[in-house]
Amino acid sequence: MSELEIGTIVTGIYKTGKYIGEITDIRPQAYLVRVLAVAKHPMQGDLHNPKDADVMIFHERRALAHREQANIPKKMVKPFEGDVPEYLSSLKEACGKMRHELEEMQTKWAEMSLNMLDSLEKDYFK
């Protein structure tokens, strides 16, 4: 795959979240991406033990903020086609989709994740 350029609008997967953003710098192994929208909210809990409720610390995972920049490995970045949604509406949609998926699971991990999502939404949308 050819190198993307600064200014290109892309999707990028960072940890367990997926974002739409703009490349602002090119590093040897990563692109620096400025977040413009949330495509998928990060999963809650321990990154090293996904979907496991029986962990030492069940982490709250926030979505990257609007215009926050993140180094995303080049292999996790792809060009984005289409209109970039507004950040807050994209965050609401991503949270709603995650909530729907968690409610269908009926596991201890899903229950703990829903509690974390409740807390995050109170902060996101105050």
N, C-alpha and C. Protein backbone atom coordinates (compact mmCIF):
# COMPACT_ATOMS: atom_id res chain seq x y z
N MET A 1 0.84 -1.18 0.00
CA MET A 1 0.00 0.00 0.00
C MET A 1 0.88 1.24 0.00
N SER A 2 0.52 2.23 -0.77
CA SER A 2 1.31 3.45 -0.83
C SER A 2 1.08 4.31 0.40
N GLU A 3 2.05 5.16 0.68
CA GLU A 3 1.99 6.07 1.83
C GLU A 3 0.85 7.07 1.64
N LEU A 4 0.05 7.26 2.70
CA LEU A 4 -0.99 8.29 2.68
C LEU A 4 -0.34 9.64 2.95
N GLU A 5 -1.03 10.72 2.61
CA GLU A 5 -0.45 12.05 2.75
C GLU A 5 -1.09 12.82 3.91
N ILE A 6 -0.36 13.80 4.43
CA ILE A 6 -0.90 14.71 5.43
C ILE A 6 -2.13 15.39 4.82
N GLY A 7 -3.20 15.47 5.62
CA GLY A 7 -4.45 16.07 5.15
C GLY A 7 -5.47 15.05 4.68
N THR A 8 -5.05 13.80 4.46
CA THR A 8 -5.97 12.75 4.01
C THR A 8 -6.95 12.40 5.14
N ILE A 9 -8.22 12.29 4.80
CA ILE A 9 -9.24 11.85 5.76
C ILE A 9 -9.25 10.33 5.75
N VAL A 10 -9.16 9.75 6.98
CA VAL A 10 -8.97 8.31 7.11
C VAL A 10 -9.85 7.74 8.22
N THR A 11 -9.94 6.41 8.25
CA THR A 11 -10.43 5.71 9.43
C THR A 11 -9.22 5.07 10.08
N GLY A 12 -9.24 5.00 11.38
CA GLY A 12 -8.13 4.39 12.09
C GLY A 12 -8.63 3.66 13.32
N ILE A 13 -8.05 2.49 13.56
CA ILE A 13 -8.41 1.72 14.75
C ILE A 13 -7.33 1.98 15.79
N TYR A 14 -7.77 2.50 16.94
CA TYR A 14 -6.87 2.83 18.05
C TYR A 14 -7.35 2.07 19.27
N LYS A 15 -6.51 1.16 19.75
CA LYS A 15 -6.88 0.22 20.81
C LYS A 15 -8.14 -0.50 20.33
N THR A 16 -9.30 -0.35 20.97
CA THR A 16 -10.48 -1.07 20.47
C THR A 16 -11.53 -0.13 19.88
N GLY A 17 -11.18 1.14 19.71
CA GLY A 17 -12.11 2.09 19.10
C GLY A 17 -11.75 2.33 17.65
N LYS A 18 -12.71 2.82 16.88
CA LYS A 18 -12.47 3.17 15.49
C LYS A 18 -12.90 4.60 15.28
N TYR A 19 -12.06 5.36 14.60
CA TYR A 19 -12.27 6.80 14.46
C TYR A 19 -12.12 7.23 13.01
N ILE A 20 -12.73 8.37 12.71
CA ILE A 20 -12.54 9.04 11.43
C ILE A 20 -11.75 10.30 11.76
N GLY A 21 -10.69 10.53 11.01
CA GLY A 21 -9.87 11.69 11.31
C GLY A 21 -9.01 12.12 10.14
N GLU A 22 -8.15 13.07 10.41
CA GLU A 22 -7.27 13.64 9.40
C GLU A 22 -5.82 13.39 9.78
N ILE A 23 -5.03 12.92 8.82
CA ILE A 23 -3.61 12.72 9.07
C ILE A 23 -2.94 14.09 9.21
N THR A 24 -2.22 14.28 10.33
CA THR A 24 -1.53 15.55 10.55
C THR A 24 -0.01 15.40 10.52
N ASP A 25 0.47 14.16 10.61
CA ASP A 25 1.92 13.93 10.53
C ASP A 25 2.15 12.46 10.16
N ILE A 26 3.31 12.22 9.60
CA ILE A 26 3.67 10.85 9.21
C ILE A 26 4.91 10.47 10.00
N ARG A 27 4.82 9.37 10.72
CA ARG A 27 5.92 8.87 11.54
C ARG A 27 6.42 7.58 10.88
N PRO A 28 7.58 7.08 11.33
CA PRO A 28 8.09 5.85 10.68
C PRO A 28 7.11 4.66 10.72
N GLN A 29 6.43 4.44 11.85
CA GLN A 29 5.55 3.29 11.99
C GLN A 29 4.07 3.65 12.11
N ALA A 30 3.75 4.95 12.17
CA ALA A 30 2.38 5.35 12.44
C ALA A 30 2.04 6.66 11.74
N TYR A 31 0.74 6.91 11.67
CA TYR A 31 0.24 8.21 11.24
C TYR A 31 -0.27 8.91 12.49
N LEU A 32 -0.03 10.21 12.59
CA LEU A 32 -0.64 11.00 13.64
C LEU A 32 -1.98 11.46 13.07
N VAL A 33 -3.07 11.07 13.74
CA VAL A 33 -4.42 11.32 13.22
C VAL A 33 -5.18 12.20 14.21
N ARG A 34 -5.77 13.29 13.70
CA ARG A 34 -6.62 14.17 14.50
C ARG A 34 -8.05 13.66 14.38
N VAL A 35 -8.66 13.31 15.51
CA VAL A 35 -10.00 12.72 15.54
C VAL A 35 -11.06 13.75 15.16
N LEU A 36 -11.90 13.36 14.20
CA LEU A 36 -13.02 14.20 13.77
C LEU A 36 -14.37 13.56 14.12
N ALA A 37 -14.41 12.22 14.23
CA ALA A 37 -15.66 11.51 14.53
C ALA A 37 -15.33 10.13 15.10
N VAL A 38 -16.32 9.54 15.77
CA VAL A 38 -16.18 8.20 16.36
C VAL A 38 -16.98 7.23 15.50
N ALA A 39 -16.32 6.19 14.99
CA ALA A 39 -17.02 5.18 14.20
C ALA A 39 -17.42 3.98 15.06
N LYS A 40 -16.61 3.67 16.10
CA LYS A 40 -16.90 2.57 17.02
C LYS A 40 -16.32 2.93 18.37
N HIS A 41 -17.16 2.86 19.40
CA HIS A 41 -16.70 3.20 20.75
C HIS A 41 -15.79 2.08 21.26
N PRO A 42 -14.73 2.43 22.02
CA PRO A 42 -13.85 1.40 22.58
C PRO A 42 -14.58 0.45 23.53
N MET A 43 -14.14 -0.80 23.54
CA MET A 43 -14.68 -1.79 24.48
C MET A 43 -14.22 -1.44 25.88
N GLN A 44 -15.02 -1.82 26.86
CA GLN A 44 -14.67 -1.57 28.26
C GLN A 44 -13.92 -2.77 28.82
N GLY A 45 -13.24 -2.56 29.93
CA GLY A 45 -12.55 -3.65 30.61
C GLY A 45 -11.08 -3.69 30.29
N ASP A 46 -10.48 -4.84 30.49
CA ASP A 46 -9.05 -5.05 30.33
C ASP A 46 -8.72 -5.39 28.88
N LEU A 47 -7.87 -4.58 28.26
CA LEU A 47 -7.50 -4.82 26.86
C LEU A 47 -6.84 -6.17 26.65
N HIS A 48 -6.14 -6.67 27.67
CA HIS A 48 -5.41 -7.93 27.55
C HIS A 48 -6.29 -9.15 27.82
N ASN A 49 -7.47 -8.91 28.37
CA ASN A 49 -8.44 -9.98 28.63
C ASN A 49 -9.82 -9.54 28.15
N PRO A 50 -9.98 -9.42 26.82
CA PRO A 50 -11.24 -8.89 26.29
C PRO A 50 -12.44 -9.75 26.68
N LYS A 51 -13.53 -9.05 27.01
CA LYS A 51 -14.81 -9.67 27.36
C LYS A 51 -14.74 -10.55 28.60
N ASP A 52 -13.75 -10.28 29.46
CA ASP A 52 -13.59 -11.03 30.71
C ASP A 52 -13.92 -10.10 31.87
N ALA A 53 -14.89 -10.48 32.69
CA ALA A 53 -15.29 -9.66 33.83
C ALA A 53 -14.44 -9.95 35.06
N ASP A 54 -13.78 -11.09 35.07
CA ASP A 54 -13.00 -11.52 36.23
C ASP A 54 -11.54 -11.09 36.07
N VAL A 55 -11.34 -9.76 36.15
CA VAL A 55 -9.99 -9.19 36.01
C VAL A 55 -9.70 -8.32 37.23
N MET A 56 -8.41 -8.06 37.46
CA MET A 56 -8.03 -7.28 38.63
C MET A 56 -8.64 -5.87 38.58
N ILE A 57 -8.53 -5.19 37.43
CA ILE A 57 -9.10 -3.86 37.27
C ILE A 57 -9.93 -3.85 35.98
N PHE A 58 -11.21 -3.49 36.11
CA PHE A 58 -12.08 -3.37 34.95
C PHE A 58 -12.03 -1.91 34.53
N HIS A 59 -11.29 -1.61 33.47
CA HIS A 59 -11.00 -0.25 33.05
C HIS A 59 -12.16 0.41 32.31
N GLU A 60 -12.34 1.70 32.61
CA GLU A 60 -13.25 2.53 31.83
C GLU A 60 -12.47 3.03 30.63
N ARG A 61 -12.98 2.78 29.43
CA ARG A 61 -12.30 3.18 28.20
C ARG A 61 -13.10 4.28 27.51
N ARG A 62 -12.56 5.49 27.55
CA ARG A 62 -13.20 6.64 26.91
C ARG A 62 -12.88 6.65 25.42
N ALA A 63 -13.79 7.21 24.65
CA ALA A 63 -13.50 7.48 23.24
C ALA A 63 -12.52 8.65 23.19
N LEU A 64 -11.68 8.67 22.16
CA LEU A 64 -10.80 9.82 21.98
C LEU A 64 -11.66 11.06 21.76
N ALA A 65 -11.19 12.18 22.27
CA ALA A 65 -11.94 13.44 22.20
C ALA A 65 -11.87 14.05 20.80
N HIS A 66 -12.81 14.97 20.55
CA HIS A 66 -12.81 15.70 19.28
C HIS A 66 -11.50 16.47 19.14
N ARG A 67 -10.84 16.30 18.02
CA ARG A 67 -9.57 16.94 17.66
C ARG A 67 -8.37 16.43 18.46
N GLU A 68 -8.58 15.42 19.32
CA GLU A 68 -7.45 14.78 19.99
C GLU A 68 -6.63 14.07 18.92
N GLN A 69 -5.32 14.01 19.13
CA GLN A 69 -4.47 13.35 18.14
C GLN A 69 -3.92 12.06 18.74
N ALA A 70 -3.80 11.04 17.89
CA ALA A 70 -3.29 9.74 18.32
C ALA A 70 -2.37 9.18 17.25
N ASN A 71 -1.29 8.53 17.70
CA ASN A 71 -0.42 7.80 16.80
C ASN A 71 -1.08 6.45 16.52
N ILE A 72 -1.47 6.23 15.29
CA ILE A 72 -2.15 4.99 14.92
C ILE A 72 -1.25 4.24 13.96
N PRO A 73 -0.96 2.95 14.27
CA PRO A 73 -0.09 2.17 13.38
C PRO A 73 -0.58 2.24 11.93
N LYS A 74 0.35 2.36 11.01
CA LYS A 74 0.00 2.54 9.59
C LYS A 74 -0.92 1.44 9.07
N LYS A 75 -0.73 0.21 9.54
CA LYS A 75 -1.56 -0.89 9.04
C LYS A 75 -3.01 -0.80 9.52
N MET A 76 -3.29 0.09 10.51
CA MET A 76 -4.64 0.24 11.05
C MET A 76 -5.35 1.47 10.48
N VAL A 77 -4.74 2.12 9.48
CA VAL A 77 -5.29 3.35 8.90
C VAL A 77 -5.65 3.10 7.44
N LYS A 78 -6.87 3.49 7.08
CA LYS A 78 -7.35 3.34 5.70
C LYS A 78 -8.01 4.64 5.26
N PRO A 79 -7.96 4.96 3.97
CA PRO A 79 -8.64 6.17 3.48
C PRO A 79 -10.14 6.08 3.75
N PHE A 80 -10.75 7.22 4.05
CA PHE A 80 -12.19 7.29 4.32
C PHE A 80 -12.89 7.94 3.14
N GLU A 81 -13.98 7.35 2.72
CA GLU A 81 -14.80 7.89 1.63
C GLU A 81 -16.12 8.34 2.22
N GLY A 82 -16.59 9.49 1.82
CA GLY A 82 -17.89 9.96 2.27
C GLY A 82 -17.79 11.20 3.12
N ASP A 83 -18.95 11.60 3.66
CA ASP A 83 -19.02 12.80 4.49
C ASP A 83 -18.63 12.44 5.92
N VAL A 84 -17.84 13.28 6.53
CA VAL A 84 -17.44 13.08 7.92
C VAL A 84 -18.57 13.55 8.82
N PRO A 85 -19.09 12.65 9.68
CA PRO A 85 -20.17 13.07 10.57
C PRO A 85 -19.66 14.04 11.64
N GLU A 86 -20.58 14.77 12.24
CA GLU A 86 -20.24 15.67 13.33
C GLU A 86 -19.82 14.82 14.53
N TYR A 87 -18.83 15.28 15.30
CA TYR A 87 -18.26 14.46 16.37
C TYR A 87 -19.30 14.00 17.38
N LEU A 88 -20.04 14.93 17.98
CA LEU A 88 -20.95 14.57 19.06
C LEU A 88 -22.03 13.60 18.59
N SER A 89 -22.59 13.81 17.40
CA SER A 89 -23.62 12.89 16.91
C SER A 89 -23.02 11.52 16.60
N SER A 90 -21.77 11.49 16.13
CA SER A 90 -21.12 10.19 15.86
C SER A 90 -20.85 9.45 17.18
N LEU A 91 -20.49 10.20 18.23
CA LEU A 91 -20.25 9.59 19.54
C LEU A 91 -21.55 9.02 20.10
N LYS A 92 -22.66 9.76 19.97
CA LYS A 92 -23.96 9.26 20.44
C LYS A 92 -24.35 7.99 19.70
N GLU A 93 -24.15 7.98 18.39
CA GLU A 93 -24.49 6.81 17.60
C GLU A 93 -23.62 5.61 17.99
N ALA A 94 -22.32 5.83 18.19
CA ALA A 94 -21.41 4.75 18.57
C ALA A 94 -21.78 4.19 19.95
N CYS A 95 -22.13 5.08 20.88
CA CYS A 95 -22.54 4.62 22.22
C CYS A 95 -23.84 3.83 22.13
N GLY A 96 -24.78 4.30 21.34
CA GLY A 96 -26.06 3.60 21.19
C GLY A 96 -25.88 2.21 20.60
N LYS A 97 -25.02 2.11 19.60
CA LYS A 97 -24.76 0.81 18.99
C LYS A 97 -24.11 -0.14 19.99
N MET A 98 -23.13 0.38 20.75
CA MET A 98 -22.48 -0.45 21.76
C MET A 98 -23.48 -0.90 22.82
N ARG A 99 -24.33 0.02 23.27
CA ARG A 99 -25.33 -0.31 24.29
C ARG A 99 -26.25 -1.44 23.79
N HIS A 100 -26.72 -1.33 22.56
CA HIS A 100 -27.60 -2.36 21.99
C HIS A 100 -26.90 -3.73 21.97
N GLU A 101 -25.64 -3.74 21.53
CA GLU A 101 -24.89 -5.01 21.48
C GLU A 101 -24.69 -5.59 22.88
N LEU A 102 -24.37 -4.74 23.85
CA LEU A 102 -24.14 -5.22 25.22
C LEU A 102 -25.42 -5.75 25.85
N GLU A 103 -26.54 -5.08 25.60
CA GLU A 103 -27.82 -5.52 26.17
C GLU A 103 -28.23 -6.90 25.67
N GLU A 104 -27.82 -7.24 24.46
CA GLU A 104 -28.17 -8.56 23.91
C GLU A 104 -27.29 -9.69 24.46
N MET A 105 -26.12 -9.36 24.99
CA MET A 105 -25.17 -10.39 25.42
C MET A 105 -25.56 -11.09 26.71
N GLN A 106 -26.06 -10.36 27.69
CA GLN A 106 -26.44 -10.92 28.98
C GLN A 106 -25.32 -11.72 29.64
N THR A 107 -24.15 -11.09 29.75
CA THR A 107 -23.02 -11.68 30.47
C THR A 107 -22.59 -10.71 31.56
N LYS A 108 -21.80 -11.18 32.50
CA LYS A 108 -21.27 -10.32 33.56
C LYS A 108 -20.43 -9.20 32.95
N TRP A 109 -19.60 -9.53 31.96
CA TRP A 109 -18.79 -8.51 31.29
C TRP A 109 -19.67 -7.44 30.65
N ALA A 110 -20.75 -7.87 29.99
CA ALA A 110 -21.65 -6.91 29.33
C ALA A 110 -22.32 -6.02 30.37
N GLU A 111 -22.71 -6.59 31.49
CA GLU A 111 -23.34 -5.82 32.58
C GLU A 111 -22.37 -4.77 33.13
N MET A 112 -21.12 -5.18 33.36
CA MET A 112 -20.12 -4.23 33.86
C MET A 112 -19.82 -3.16 32.81
N SER A 113 -19.79 -3.55 31.55
CA SER A 113 -19.55 -2.59 30.47
C SER A 113 -20.68 -1.59 30.36
N LEU A 114 -21.92 -2.05 30.52
CA LEU A 114 -23.07 -1.14 30.49
C LEU A 114 -22.99 -0.11 31.62
N ASN A 115 -22.56 -0.55 32.80
CA ASN A 115 -22.40 0.38 33.91
C ASN A 115 -21.35 1.44 33.58
N MET A 116 -20.25 1.02 32.97
CA MET A 116 -19.21 1.96 32.56
C MET A 116 -19.75 2.92 31.49
N LEU A 117 -20.50 2.38 30.54
CA LEU A 117 -21.06 3.20 29.46
C LEU A 117 -22.04 4.23 30.02
N ASP A 118 -22.85 3.84 31.02
CA ASP A 118 -23.76 4.79 31.68
C ASP A 118 -22.98 5.97 32.24
N SER A 119 -21.90 5.67 32.92
CA SER A 119 -21.06 6.70 33.52
C SER A 119 -20.43 7.59 32.45
N LEU A 120 -19.92 6.97 31.40
CA LEU A 120 -19.29 7.74 30.32
C LEU A 120 -20.29 8.66 29.64
N GLU A 121 -21.49 8.15 29.36
CA GLU A 121 -22.51 8.95 28.68
C GLU A 121 -22.92 10.16 29.52
N LYS A 122 -22.99 10.00 30.83
CA LYS A 122 -23.31 11.14 31.70
C LYS A 122 -22.27 12.23 31.55
N ASP A 123 -21.02 11.83 31.41
CA ASP A 123 -19.93 12.80 31.23
C ASP A 123 -19.90 13.35 29.81
N TYR A 124 -20.04 12.48 28.80
CA TYR A 124 -19.99 12.92 27.41
C TYR A 124 -21.08 13.94 27.08
N PHE A 125 -22.30 13.67 27.54
CA PHE A 125 -23.46 14.41 27.06
C PHE A 125 -24.09 15.32 28.11
N LYS A 126 -23.27 15.81 29.05
CA LYS A 126 -23.82 16.70 30.09
C LYS A 126 -24.12 18.08 29.56
